[in-house]
Amino acid sequence: MRLIVLGLLFCHFCQQGLAQPNVMFLTPFETDPNYSAPYERTISYYRELAEAFPELEMREYGKTDSGQPLHLMILSIDQDFEAASIHAKDKTILMINNAIHPGEPCGVDASMMFLRDLLLDDAKQQYLENLVIIVIPFYNISGGLNRGAYSRANQEGPAEHGFRGNARNYDLNRDFIKCDTRNAQTFNQIFQEWEPHVFIDNHTSNGADYQYTLTLIPTQKDKLQEPLASLLVGDMLPDLYAKMQETPWEMIPYVYARTTPDEGIAGFLDLPRYSSGYTALHHTIGFMPETHMLKPFEDRVWSVYQFMDQMVVYLAEKGGAVRNAKRLAINQTKAASIIELNWKLDFSKIDSILFKGFEAGYKPSAISGLDRLYYDRAKPYEKTIPFFNTYTATLSVEKPKAYVIPQAYTEVIERLQWNGVELTRINESKELDLEFYYIRSFETVDQPYEGHYLHSKVEVEKVRRIQKVYPGDYLVETGQASDLYIVSVLEPQGPDSYFAWNFFDGILMQKEYFSDYVFEDLAAEMLEKDPELKKAFENARKENPEMAESARAQLDWIYKHSPYYEPTYQLYPVGRMVK
């Protein structure tokens, strides 16, 4: 139903290389190109749009940390709004997320115009025959409600915008795995219901100055299964870069530089805490368009609009290849025996890229009098620079047949369930031959990172144990579509494992100790009765002078080699079934 006409004509945006803006359902941005729609206006706009067009449905999911539900817009040209039915028809699903950082609201305003134009333009609707688009209009609602003009000190507009942190001051683009926020908990469940093939998360970047308005972070290719990596690198990215070059918004890879871009830029390693890293665990190619902070807000919005528009064109033409690559990737992962968990940039593998930048220099600071970096926009350049975009695996593990998780770890169980993992409740007490890890060493940050004291550089020792399990404990068999997710969160060495994020910190504190004056006699008796223990003890004293000079350290050595020492101290409680 196309009834509402505002009667206003605007040619202001013709310079963007687009047709005149639609006079139906004009957005606030189209009346003021330095204005971004606030949360309430965004939702009311979409509600009006959904009421007018039967091809568009608005749904509410769960709750966010500020109390409001998370809204999802579903654009389905045949008015089928059920995920399972859409997958049964073998259609492609594109998911778009906006305002994860509400100070970077380009996607909010671009998506409003984008969905409206798809609904109004008959020529564009041909692209939607086998494509369904789902959009989160405003993800970080509480950050959007915390609206002002000053939280983005280095950014050109809009006049007002939201704040990066949510109601609990979390950065939601670090929360996709740990799910501290209700936003992320709801997002995980939406994502698993819809299982999109491609995901776009709209952002604005900080960093160097250069000529481009739009840069792009794709899922790191070396983390993807071969069918998805081949499609992304061999066809999808070349097509998108070429299409964007035909618009006013030529695109370049995200400018991730150690100093200035002249010395080279690198591909970004999107770990699972980030949106595109999270989607990769579920075989979804993710993109983070990063508009440049120093370009006018108007330009940033239109560049995002064009990127989404070109993505729709690509998926209309190549959606079948994307769907097939995802199916192949899932089957490969199910059959895989080795899973990679972490990577490092290989600086010996150097590509090149033609880059349009501004000359960088140094001049005395008006504040400190010391040298400061600046970019001279009066001196643009175009030259070839190094591009480092090859990552090699630094950590791989053998995938077990199954994991066994004690039911006590309810937070871990919930997150697995939110992510579509199939779990089986154990229905009787039994003893199982399982492989376990002892946590032998790790490092922890000195200050909290996103509400956690994140662990890293975890070293483990494997042991075999006959472990008693109880009714209600969980068996997680591998061979699932979610194997990448399962292994990434349950192997403690992984950079975004649930061990790294402190879900198992209880095992890191010893619970029972000894009193020196009581244990002295027992320790002496143990050494007298066990010559092998006594020999090992004497050798330990010789090899460790500090121990030889400490009575407590010597008693502690004997205690740790006695049956009184707790076997669960630093024993990671998730068992691996390898038989």
Protein backbone atom coordinates (compact mmCIF):
# COMPACT_ATOMS: atom_id res chain seq x y z
CA MET A 1 0.00 0.00 0.00
CA ARG A 2 1.71 3.17 -1.18
CA LEU A 3 -0.56 5.90 0.20
CA ILE A 4 1.49 8.35 2.23
CA VAL A 5 3.02 11.18 0.22
CA LEU A 6 4.62 14.14 1.94
CA GLY A 7 4.54 16.29 -1.20
CA LEU A 8 8.10 17.57 -0.78
CA LEU A 9 10.62 17.40 -3.60
CA PHE A 10 14.34 17.36 -2.93
CA CYS A 11 17.12 17.44 -5.49
CA HIS A 12 19.76 18.02 -2.83
CA PHE A 13 21.09 14.49 -3.15
CA CYS A 14 21.43 14.38 -6.92
CA GLN A 15 25.11 15.18 -6.45
CA GLN A 16 25.49 11.81 -4.76
CA GLY A 17 25.06 10.07 -8.10
CA LEU A 18 21.59 8.89 -7.06
CA ALA A 19 18.15 9.70 -8.28
CA GLN A 20 16.09 12.28 -6.44
CA PRO A 21 15.18 10.98 -2.98
CA ASN A 22 11.83 9.31 -2.71
CA VAL A 23 9.14 11.74 -1.68
CA MET A 24 7.34 8.95 0.13
CA PHE A 25 8.43 8.37 3.72
CA LEU A 26 11.18 10.98 3.79
CA THR A 27 13.68 10.31 6.55
CA PRO A 28 14.93 12.98 8.98
CA PHE A 29 18.34 12.73 7.32
CA GLU A 30 16.87 13.74 3.97
CA THR A 31 15.58 16.98 5.43
CA ASP A 32 18.85 17.71 7.25
CA PRO A 33 21.96 15.87 6.01
CA ASN A 34 23.81 16.49 9.29
CA TYR A 35 21.04 14.93 11.38
CA SER A 36 20.77 11.29 12.41
CA ALA A 37 17.43 9.90 13.48
CA PRO A 38 17.26 9.11 17.22
CA TYR A 39 16.14 5.69 18.40
CA GLU A 40 12.45 6.53 18.95
CA ARG A 41 12.10 8.22 15.56
CA THR A 42 13.87 5.33 13.84
CA ILE A 43 11.47 2.77 15.28
CA SER A 44 8.37 4.88 14.58
CA TYR A 45 9.55 5.35 10.98
CA TYR A 46 9.90 1.60 10.45
CA ARG A 47 6.56 0.96 12.12
CA GLU A 48 4.87 3.34 9.68
CA LEU A 49 6.72 1.73 6.78
CA ALA A 50 5.66 -1.77 7.85
CA GLU A 51 2.05 -0.67 8.20
CA ALA A 52 2.08 0.65 4.62
CA PHE A 53 3.88 -2.26 2.96
CA PRO A 54 2.78 -5.88 3.45
CA GLU A 55 6.21 -7.01 2.22
CA LEU A 56 7.79 -5.61 5.40
CA GLU A 57 7.26 -6.91 8.91
CA MET A 58 8.53 -5.57 12.24
CA ARG A 59 9.22 -8.04 15.04
CA GLU A 60 10.26 -7.60 18.64
CA TYR A 61 12.75 -9.98 20.24
CA GLY A 62 13.65 -10.39 23.89
CA LYS A 63 14.95 -7.46 25.88
CA THR A 64 18.01 -5.24 25.86
CA ASP A 65 19.86 -3.85 28.88
CA SER A 66 17.76 -0.67 28.76
CA GLY A 67 14.50 -2.63 28.87
CA GLN A 68 13.34 -2.16 25.29
CA PRO A 69 12.99 -5.12 22.95
CA LEU A 70 15.35 -5.58 20.03
CA HIS A 71 13.49 -4.85 16.79
CA LEU A 72 14.01 -6.77 13.57
CA MET A 73 12.72 -5.65 10.18
CA ILE A 74 12.04 -8.43 7.67
CA LEU A 75 11.74 -7.59 3.98
CA SER A 76 10.29 -10.53 2.09
CA ILE A 77 8.75 -9.87 -1.30
CA ASP A 78 6.45 -12.92 -1.11
CA GLN A 79 5.42 -12.00 2.47
CA ASP A 80 6.90 -15.14 3.96
CA PHE A 81 8.39 -14.00 7.26
CA GLU A 82 9.37 -17.37 8.76
CA ALA A 83 13.06 -18.23 8.75
CA ALA A 84 12.58 -21.99 8.44
CA SER A 85 10.22 -21.60 5.50
CA ILE A 86 12.57 -19.15 3.75
CA HIS A 87 15.48 -21.59 4.13
CA ALA A 88 13.27 -24.40 2.83
CA LYS A 89 12.73 -22.32 -0.31
CA ASP A 90 16.52 -22.05 -0.61
CA LYS A 91 16.55 -18.26 -0.53
CA THR A 92 19.51 -16.11 0.47
CA ILE A 93 19.25 -14.17 3.72
CA LEU A 94 21.15 -10.90 4.18
CA MET A 95 21.34 -9.53 7.74
CA ILE A 96 22.20 -5.89 8.49
CA ASN A 97 23.05 -4.51 11.93
CA ASN A 98 23.07 -0.81 12.84
CA ALA A 99 24.18 1.36 15.77
CA ILE A 100 26.22 -1.23 17.61
CA HIS A 101 28.20 1.97 18.30
CA PRO A 102 25.51 4.69 18.27
CA GLY A 103 28.12 7.40 17.83
CA GLU A 104 28.64 5.84 14.39
CA PRO A 105 25.05 6.04 13.09
CA CYS A 106 25.56 6.06 9.31
CA GLY A 107 23.82 2.71 8.94
CA VAL A 108 20.78 3.83 10.90
CA ASP A 109 19.87 6.51 8.38
CA ALA A 110 21.14 4.65 5.32
CA SER A 111 19.08 1.55 6.15
CA MET A 112 15.87 3.55 6.54
CA MET A 113 16.22 4.91 3.01
CA PHE A 114 17.55 1.61 1.69
CA LEU A 115 14.56 -0.52 2.75
CA ARG A 116 12.11 2.18 1.69
CA ASP A 117 13.62 2.42 -1.78
CA LEU A 118 13.61 -1.35 -2.23
CA LEU A 119 9.89 -1.30 -1.44
CA LEU A 120 9.06 1.65 -3.68
CA ASP A 121 11.29 0.98 -6.69
CA ASP A 122 9.75 -1.68 -8.94
CA ALA A 123 13.05 -2.05 -10.80
CA LYS A 124 14.82 -3.03 -7.59
CA GLN A 125 12.28 -5.60 -6.56
CA GLN A 126 13.60 -8.02 -9.17
CA TYR A 127 16.61 -8.44 -6.85
CA LEU A 128 14.37 -9.68 -4.04
CA GLU A 129 12.85 -12.74 -5.71
CA ASN A 130 15.34 -15.07 -4.02
CA LEU A 131 16.65 -12.71 -1.35
CA VAL A 132 15.25 -11.83 2.08
CA ILE A 133 16.72 -8.90 3.99
CA ILE A 134 16.57 -8.63 7.79
CA VAL A 135 17.67 -5.44 9.54
CA ILE A 136 18.26 -4.53 13.18
CA PRO A 137 17.44 -0.80 13.04
CA PHE A 138 19.15 0.13 16.32
CA TYR A 139 21.17 -2.49 18.21
CA ASN A 140 22.68 -0.49 21.11
CA ILE A 141 19.46 1.18 22.20
CA SER A 142 20.71 2.47 25.54
CA GLY A 143 23.80 3.94 23.88
CA GLY A 144 21.49 5.64 21.40
CA LEU A 145 19.39 7.13 24.19
CA ASN A 146 22.57 8.59 25.70
CA ARG A 147 22.56 11.23 22.99
CA GLY A 148 24.78 14.28 22.67
CA ALA A 149 27.25 16.16 20.50
CA TYR A 150 30.62 15.53 22.13
CA SER A 151 31.39 11.83 22.62
CA ARG A 152 33.04 11.57 19.18
CA ALA A 153 35.73 14.24 19.42
CA ASN A 154 37.40 13.37 16.11
CA GLN A 155 34.28 12.96 13.98
CA GLU A 156 32.59 15.25 11.44
CA GLY A 157 28.90 15.12 12.36
CA PRO A 158 26.16 14.38 12.77
CA ALA A 159 25.07 17.23 15.03
CA GLU A 160 23.97 14.74 17.70
CA HIS A 161 24.62 11.05 18.11
CA GLY A 162 24.67 8.29 20.69
CA PHE A 163 27.41 6.91 22.94
CA ARG A 164 29.60 3.84 22.37
CA GLY A 165 28.86 2.06 25.66
CA ASN A 166 25.46 0.58 26.44
CA ALA A 167 23.47 0.92 29.69
CA ARG A 168 26.09 -1.20 31.49
CA ASN A 169 28.91 0.61 29.67
CA TYR A 170 29.82 -2.44 27.59
CA ASP A 171 31.13 -2.18 24.04
CA LEU A 172 28.70 -4.50 22.27
CA ASN A 173 31.24 -5.25 19.55
CA ARG A 174 33.28 -7.16 22.13
CA ASP A 175 30.33 -9.10 23.56
CA PHE A 176 29.19 -11.56 20.90
CA ILE A 177 30.86 -14.55 22.59
CA LYS A 178 30.74 -13.74 26.30
CA CYS A 179 27.18 -12.32 26.10
CA ASP A 180 27.29 -10.26 29.27
CA THR A 181 24.54 -8.02 27.92
CA ARG A 182 20.94 -8.86 27.19
CA ASN A 183 21.52 -7.23 23.80
CA ALA A 184 24.05 -9.90 22.86
CA GLN A 185 22.00 -12.71 24.37
CA THR A 186 19.04 -11.69 22.23
CA PHE A 187 21.23 -11.18 19.17
CA ASN A 188 22.68 -14.71 19.46
CA GLN A 189 19.18 -16.15 19.40
CA ILE A 190 18.03 -14.00 16.48
CA PHE A 191 21.12 -15.00 14.53
CA GLN A 192 20.54 -18.71 15.14
CA GLU A 193 16.88 -18.49 14.15
CA TRP A 194 17.67 -16.78 10.85
CA GLU A 195 21.07 -18.31 9.95
CA PRO A 196 21.93 -15.54 7.47
CA HIS A 197 24.31 -16.15 4.59
CA VAL A 198 25.85 -12.66 4.66
CA PHE A 199 26.06 -10.17 7.52
CA ILE A 200 26.76 -6.41 7.42
CA ASP A 201 27.58 -4.46 10.59
CA ASN A 202 27.80 -0.72 9.86
CA HIS A 203 30.55 1.33 11.57
CA THR A 204 32.64 4.52 11.40
CA SER A 205 36.43 4.33 11.88
CA ASN A 206 39.08 6.35 13.62
CA GLY A 207 42.69 6.44 12.41
CA ALA A 208 44.71 7.92 9.56
CA ASP A 209 43.43 10.48 7.07
CA TYR A 210 43.04 9.48 3.40
CA GLN A 211 40.83 10.18 0.40
CA TYR A 212 38.26 7.39 0.81
CA THR A 213 34.92 7.79 2.54
CA LEU A 214 34.35 4.03 2.90
CA THR A 215 36.71 1.25 4.00
CA LEU A 216 35.84 -2.39 4.53
CA ILE A 217 36.66 -5.14 7.03
CA PRO A 218 35.57 -8.51 5.63
CA THR A 219 35.75 -11.69 7.65
CA GLN A 220 39.46 -12.58 7.70
CA LYS A 221 39.78 -15.01 4.81
CA ASP A 222 42.30 -17.30 6.53
CA LYS A 223 39.77 -18.05 9.27
CA LEU A 224 37.12 -19.24 6.85
CA GLN A 225 36.64 -22.73 5.43
CA GLU A 226 37.96 -23.09 1.91
CA PRO A 227 34.63 -22.85 0.03
CA LEU A 228 33.75 -19.57 1.74
CA ALA A 229 37.30 -18.19 1.54
CA SER A 230 37.53 -18.96 -2.18
CA LEU A 231 34.20 -17.30 -2.89
CA LEU A 232 35.04 -14.25 -0.78
CA VAL A 233 38.51 -13.64 -2.22
CA GLY A 234 37.99 -14.96 -5.73
CA ASP A 235 34.65 -13.38 -6.58
CA MET A 236 32.77 -11.50 -3.91
CA LEU A 237 35.34 -8.89 -2.87
CA PRO A 238 36.55 -8.16 -6.42
CA ASP A 239 32.94 -7.71 -7.52
CA LEU A 240 32.05 -5.40 -4.62
CA TYR A 241 35.19 -3.27 -5.00
CA ALA A 242 34.55 -2.95 -8.76
CA LYS A 243 30.89 -2.04 -8.25
CA MET A 244 31.75 0.57 -5.63
CA GLN A 245 34.35 2.10 -7.93
CA GLU A 246 31.55 2.87 -10.38
CA THR A 247 29.81 4.96 -7.70
CA PRO A 248 31.07 8.18 -6.11
CA TRP A 249 32.25 6.04 -3.18
CA GLU A 250 35.30 4.09 -4.21
CA MET A 251 36.13 1.59 -1.45
CA ILE A 252 39.43 0.39 0.04
CA PRO A 253 40.28 -2.24 2.67
CA TYR A 254 40.15 -0.97 6.25
CA VAL A 255 43.20 1.21 6.89
CA TYR A 256 44.78 -0.83 9.69
CA ALA A 257 48.24 0.73 9.83
CA ARG A 258 51.11 0.55 12.32
CA THR A 259 52.10 4.16 11.64
CA THR A 260 50.97 5.87 8.43
CA PRO A 261 49.39 4.09 5.45
CA ASP A 262 52.48 4.75 3.32
CA GLU A 263 54.28 1.95 5.18
CA GLY A 264 51.48 -0.51 4.49
CA ILE A 265 48.15 -1.64 5.86
CA ALA A 266 47.11 -5.03 7.22
CA GLY A 267 44.03 -7.18 7.22
CA PHE A 268 42.21 -7.14 10.56
CA LEU A 269 42.04 -10.32 12.65
CA ASP A 270 38.39 -10.37 13.68
CA LEU A 271 38.30 -12.70 16.68
CA PRO A 272 34.91 -14.14 17.69
CA ARG A 273 34.29 -11.31 20.17
CA TYR A 274 33.69 -9.05 17.14
CA SER A 275 30.60 -9.27 14.97
CA SER A 276 32.23 -10.55 11.78
CA GLY A 277 34.39 -12.98 13.78
CA TYR A 278 31.30 -14.30 15.52
CA THR A 279 29.42 -14.79 12.27
CA ALA A 280 32.39 -16.68 10.80
CA LEU A 281 32.01 -19.32 13.54
CA HIS A 282 28.59 -20.01 12.02
CA HIS A 283 29.77 -20.01 8.36
CA THR A 284 28.35 -16.58 7.59
CA ILE A 285 30.51 -14.14 5.65
CA GLY A 286 30.62 -10.92 7.64
CA PHE A 287 31.43 -7.37 6.64
CA MET A 288 32.12 -4.29 8.72
CA PRO A 289 31.91 -1.21 6.48
CA GLU A 290 33.93 1.51 8.22
CA THR A 291 33.16 5.00 6.99
CA HIS A 292 35.87 7.61 7.59
CA MET A 293 35.32 9.88 10.60
CA LEU A 294 36.66 13.02 8.88
CA LYS A 295 34.30 12.88 5.91
CA PRO A 296 30.94 14.71 6.11
CA PHE A 297 28.14 12.70 7.67
CA GLU A 298 26.09 13.11 4.50
CA ASP A 299 28.80 11.39 2.45
CA ARG A 300 29.24 8.63 5.00
CA VAL A 301 25.53 7.79 4.96
CA TRP A 302 25.38 7.61 1.17
CA SER A 303 28.49 5.46 0.93
CA VAL A 304 26.92 2.91 3.30
CA TYR A 305 23.69 3.06 1.30
CA GLN A 306 25.60 2.27 -1.88
CA PHE A 307 27.51 -0.60 -0.28
CA MET A 308 24.29 -2.25 0.87
CA ASP A 309 22.74 -1.62 -2.53
CA GLN A 310 25.67 -3.26 -4.34
CA MET A 311 25.53 -6.19 -1.93
CA VAL A 312 21.90 -6.76 -2.90
CA VAL A 313 22.84 -6.72 -6.58
CA TYR A 314 25.62 -9.23 -5.95
CA LEU A 315 23.42 -11.57 -3.91
CA ALA A 316 20.67 -11.39 -6.52
CA GLU A 317 23.20 -12.54 -9.13
CA LYS A 318 25.35 -14.90 -7.05
CA GLY A 319 23.14 -15.89 -4.11
CA GLY A 320 23.14 -19.53 -5.19
CA ALA A 321 26.95 -19.64 -5.02
CA VAL A 322 26.92 -18.08 -1.55
CA ARG A 323 24.36 -20.58 -0.27
CA ASN A 324 26.27 -23.49 -1.77
CA ALA A 325 29.58 -22.30 -0.29
CA LYS A 326 27.99 -22.15 3.16
CA ARG A 327 26.64 -25.69 2.81
CA LEU A 328 30.04 -26.99 1.72
CA ALA A 329 31.77 -25.16 4.58
CA ILE A 330 29.40 -26.68 7.12
CA ASN A 331 30.01 -30.19 5.77
CA GLN A 332 33.77 -29.66 5.80
CA THR A 333 33.66 -28.49 9.41
CA LYS A 334 31.53 -31.43 10.50
CA ALA A 335 34.07 -33.82 8.97
CA ALA A 336 37.18 -31.94 10.12
CA SER A 337 39.49 -33.56 12.67
CA ILE A 338 41.58 -30.43 13.35
CA ILE A 339 40.17 -26.99 14.24
CA GLU A 340 42.26 -23.81 14.14
CA LEU A 341 41.78 -21.44 17.07
CA ASN A 342 44.27 -18.59 16.71
CA TRP A 343 46.38 -16.91 14.04
CA LYS A 344 49.15 -14.35 13.54
CA LEU A 345 49.91 -12.00 10.68
CA ASP A 346 52.58 -13.31 8.31
CA PHE A 347 54.70 -10.30 7.35
CA SER A 348 56.67 -12.38 4.85
CA LYS A 349 53.59 -12.57 2.60
CA ILE A 350 53.20 -9.15 1.01
CA ASP A 351 50.55 -8.08 -1.46
CA SER A 352 50.21 -4.56 -2.83
CA ILE A 353 47.34 -2.17 -3.20
CA LEU A 354 46.84 1.12 -5.02
CA PHE A 355 46.12 3.65 -2.29
CA LYS A 356 44.86 7.24 -2.43
CA GLY A 357 46.09 9.10 0.61
CA PHE A 358 47.40 12.41 1.85
CA GLU A 359 51.04 13.12 2.58
CA ALA A 360 51.90 12.71 6.25
CA GLY A 361 54.39 14.88 8.06
CA TYR A 362 55.45 16.14 11.46
CA LYS A 363 55.45 19.66 12.84
CA PRO A 364 55.82 21.22 16.31
CA SER A 365 52.74 20.80 18.47
CA ALA A 366 51.03 24.01 19.60
CA ILE A 367 50.34 22.19 22.88
CA SER A 368 53.55 20.41 23.78
CA GLY A 369 56.08 21.92 21.40
CA LEU A 370 57.05 18.37 20.42
CA ASP A 371 56.63 16.79 17.00
CA ARG A 372 53.06 15.85 16.09
CA LEU A 373 51.67 13.91 13.16
CA TYR A 374 49.48 15.62 10.58
CA TYR A 375 48.07 14.83 7.13
CA ASP A 376 48.23 17.51 4.44
CA ARG A 377 45.02 17.45 2.39
CA ALA A 378 46.62 19.90 -0.03
CA LYS A 379 49.02 17.09 -1.00
CA PRO A 380 46.97 14.09 -2.13
CA TYR A 381 48.81 11.12 -3.58
CA GLU A 382 48.05 7.89 -5.37
CA LYS A 383 50.63 5.14 -5.02
CA THR A 384 51.11 1.44 -4.42
CA ILE A 385 51.61 0.44 -0.79
CA PRO A 386 52.20 -2.93 0.92
CA PHE A 387 49.12 -4.90 1.96
CA PHE A 388 49.66 -7.62 4.56
CA ASN A 389 46.66 -9.92 4.54
CA THR A 390 47.89 -13.46 5.20
CA TYR A 391 47.38 -15.00 8.61
CA THR A 392 48.87 -18.35 9.64
CA ALA A 393 47.45 -20.59 12.35
CA THR A 394 49.36 -20.54 15.63
CA LEU A 395 47.02 -22.82 17.58
CA SER A 396 45.12 -25.89 16.41
CA VAL A 397 43.41 -28.66 18.38
CA GLU A 398 42.14 -32.11 17.60
CA LYS A 399 38.36 -32.09 17.64
CA PRO A 400 37.03 -34.66 20.12
CA LYS A 401 34.05 -36.91 19.54
CA ALA A 402 32.21 -35.03 22.27
CA TYR A 403 32.58 -32.74 25.26
CA VAL A 404 31.11 -33.48 28.69
CA ILE A 405 30.07 -30.40 30.69
CA PRO A 406 28.99 -30.50 34.34
CA GLN A 407 25.50 -29.09 34.77
CA ALA A 408 26.83 -26.64 37.37
CA TYR A 409 28.11 -24.40 34.55
CA THR A 410 24.71 -23.03 33.64
CA GLU A 411 26.06 -19.83 32.01
CA VAL A 412 28.11 -21.90 29.57
CA ILE A 413 25.17 -24.22 28.84
CA GLU A 414 22.86 -21.26 28.15
CA ARG A 415 25.27 -19.73 25.66
CA LEU A 416 25.68 -23.00 23.81
CA GLN A 417 21.90 -23.30 23.58
CA TRP A 418 21.53 -19.71 22.34
CA ASN A 419 23.94 -20.61 19.55
CA GLY A 420 22.03 -23.58 18.25
CA VAL A 421 24.29 -26.26 19.76
CA GLU A 422 22.63 -29.63 20.25
CA LEU A 423 23.14 -30.89 23.80
CA THR A 424 22.08 -34.18 25.37
CA ARG A 425 21.30 -34.55 29.07
CA ILE A 426 22.99 -37.52 30.68
CA ASN A 427 20.25 -39.58 32.34
CA GLU A 428 22.17 -41.79 34.74
CA SER A 429 25.29 -41.80 36.86
CA LYS A 430 28.21 -43.44 35.12
CA GLU A 431 31.97 -43.38 34.85
CA LEU A 432 33.53 -42.20 31.60
CA ASP A 433 37.08 -42.41 30.29
CA LEU A 434 37.75 -38.79 29.35
CA GLU A 435 40.61 -36.50 28.47
CA PHE A 436 41.02 -33.39 30.61
CA TYR A 437 43.31 -30.38 30.74
CA TYR A 438 45.22 -29.04 33.70
CA ILE A 439 45.76 -25.29 33.33
CA ARG A 440 49.51 -24.99 33.85
CA SER A 441 50.07 -21.33 33.02
CA PHE A 442 48.30 -18.27 31.64
CA GLU A 443 48.49 -14.49 31.60
CA THR A 444 45.77 -12.11 32.76
CA VAL A 445 45.28 -8.42 32.02
CA ASP A 446 46.05 -5.97 34.85
CA GLN A 447 42.89 -3.92 34.30
CA PRO A 448 39.38 -5.16 33.47
CA TYR A 449 38.68 -5.52 29.76
CA GLU A 450 34.97 -5.27 28.99
CA GLY A 451 34.07 -6.38 32.50
CA HIS A 452 36.51 -9.31 32.61
CA TYR A 453 40.09 -10.07 33.52
CA LEU A 454 40.78 -11.72 30.20
CA HIS A 455 43.19 -14.67 30.17
CA SER A 456 45.63 -15.34 27.33
CA LYS A 457 48.67 -17.47 26.45
CA VAL A 458 47.06 -20.44 28.15
CA GLU A 459 49.25 -23.54 28.49
CA VAL A 460 47.64 -26.88 29.30
CA GLU A 461 48.64 -30.43 30.18
CA LYS A 462 46.48 -33.31 28.99
CA VAL A 463 45.53 -36.11 31.38
CA ARG A 464 43.23 -39.12 31.14
CA ARG A 465 40.78 -39.62 33.99
CA ILE A 466 37.93 -41.91 34.82
CA GLN A 467 35.33 -39.28 35.60
CA LYS A 468 32.01 -39.83 37.28
CA VAL A 469 29.15 -37.96 35.61
CA TYR A 470 25.67 -37.45 36.99
CA PRO A 471 22.10 -37.24 35.70
CA GLY A 472 21.62 -33.77 34.27
CA ASP A 473 25.19 -33.26 33.08
CA TYR A 474 25.55 -32.48 29.39
CA LEU A 475 27.04 -34.31 26.43
CA VAL A 476 27.93 -32.14 23.44
CA GLU A 477 28.68 -34.31 20.45
CA THR A 478 30.68 -32.84 17.58
CA GLY A 479 29.82 -33.31 13.93
CA GLN A 480 27.40 -30.38 14.14
CA ALA A 481 27.07 -27.31 11.95
CA SER A 482 28.15 -25.37 15.05
CA ASP A 483 31.44 -27.27 15.53
CA LEU A 484 33.58 -24.16 15.02
CA TYR A 485 31.67 -22.37 17.74
CA ILE A 486 31.74 -25.39 20.07
CA VAL A 487 35.50 -25.92 19.83
CA SER A 488 36.33 -22.21 19.94
CA VAL A 489 34.51 -21.63 23.22
CA LEU A 490 35.23 -24.93 24.99
CA GLU A 491 38.96 -25.30 24.29
CA PRO A 492 40.56 -23.17 27.04
CA GLN A 493 43.54 -22.11 24.91
CA GLY A 494 41.32 -20.23 22.45
CA PRO A 495 41.59 -16.42 22.61
CA ASP A 496 37.81 -16.09 23.04
CA SER A 497 37.14 -19.31 24.92
CA TYR A 498 34.85 -19.33 27.91
CA PHE A 499 37.92 -20.03 30.03
CA ALA A 500 39.58 -16.89 28.64
CA TRP A 501 36.48 -14.89 29.56
CA ASN A 502 36.52 -16.13 33.22
CA PHE A 503 33.58 -18.54 33.15
CA PHE A 504 35.75 -21.20 34.83
CA ASP A 505 37.82 -19.07 37.21
CA GLY A 506 36.64 -21.08 40.22
CA ILE A 507 39.13 -23.82 39.36
CA LEU A 508 42.05 -21.38 39.61
CA MET A 509 41.85 -21.04 43.40
CA GLN A 510 43.00 -23.79 45.71
CA LYS A 511 40.30 -24.59 48.28
CA GLU A 512 42.11 -26.73 50.89
CA TYR A 513 45.48 -26.12 52.56
CA PHE A 514 47.48 -27.42 55.54
CA SER A 515 48.70 -26.15 58.88
CA ASP A 516 52.51 -26.34 59.04
CA TYR A 517 52.84 -27.60 62.59
CA VAL A 518 50.31 -30.38 62.03
CA PHE A 519 51.48 -31.41 58.57
CA GLU A 520 55.18 -31.55 59.65
CA ASP A 521 54.75 -34.90 61.36
CA LEU A 522 52.56 -36.32 58.61
CA ALA A 523 55.03 -35.21 55.93
CA ALA A 524 57.95 -36.82 57.76
CA GLU A 525 55.99 -40.04 58.06
CA MET A 526 55.18 -39.99 54.33
CA LEU A 527 58.85 -39.59 53.37
CA GLU A 528 59.88 -42.39 55.70
CA LYS A 529 57.33 -44.80 54.25
CA ASP A 530 57.95 -43.90 50.58
CA PRO A 531 61.63 -43.98 49.49
CA GLU A 532 60.78 -42.93 45.93
CA LEU A 533 58.93 -39.86 47.20
CA LYS A 534 61.85 -39.03 49.50
CA LYS A 535 64.34 -39.32 46.62
CA ALA A 536 62.24 -37.04 44.42
CA PHE A 537 61.93 -34.57 47.29
CA GLU A 538 65.72 -34.45 47.81
CA ASN A 539 66.28 -33.91 44.10
CA ALA A 540 63.75 -31.08 44.08
CA ARG A 541 65.58 -29.36 46.94
CA LYS A 542 68.90 -29.64 45.11
CA GLU A 543 67.47 -28.27 41.87
CA ASN A 544 65.65 -25.38 43.55
CA PRO A 545 67.80 -23.39 46.03
CA GLU A 546 64.88 -21.13 46.95
CA MET A 547 62.85 -24.15 47.96
CA ALA A 548 65.76 -25.46 50.02
CA GLU A 549 65.75 -22.26 52.04
CA SER A 550 61.99 -22.24 52.71
CA ALA A 551 60.39 -24.65 55.18
CA ARG A 552 56.92 -23.78 53.87
CA ALA A 553 57.95 -24.44 50.26
CA GLN A 554 59.30 -27.87 51.19
CA LEU A 555 56.11 -28.80 53.03
CA ASP A 556 54.11 -27.50 50.08
CA TRP A 557 56.07 -29.75 47.69
CA ILE A 558 55.28 -32.79 49.81
CA TYR A 559 51.63 -31.73 50.14
CA LYS A 560 51.27 -31.44 46.38
CA HIS A 561 52.69 -34.95 45.97
CA SER A 562 50.39 -36.44 48.58
CA PRO A 563 46.86 -37.85 48.37
CA TYR A 564 45.69 -34.85 50.44
CA TYR A 565 46.28 -32.41 47.61
CA GLU A 566 43.04 -31.60 45.76
CA PRO A 567 43.04 -33.14 42.27
CA THR A 568 40.57 -30.55 40.91
CA TYR A 569 42.84 -27.54 41.48
CA GLN A 570 43.41 -26.02 38.01
CA LEU A 571 41.62 -28.98 36.41
CA TYR A 572 39.51 -27.61 33.57
CA PRO A 573 36.14 -29.29 34.21
CA VAL A 574 35.04 -29.87 30.61
CA GLY A 575 35.97 -33.39 29.57
CA ARG A 576 36.92 -34.42 26.04
CA MET A 577 35.60 -37.76 24.78
CA VAL A 578 38.26 -38.89 22.32
CA LYS A 579 37.23 -42.53 21.88
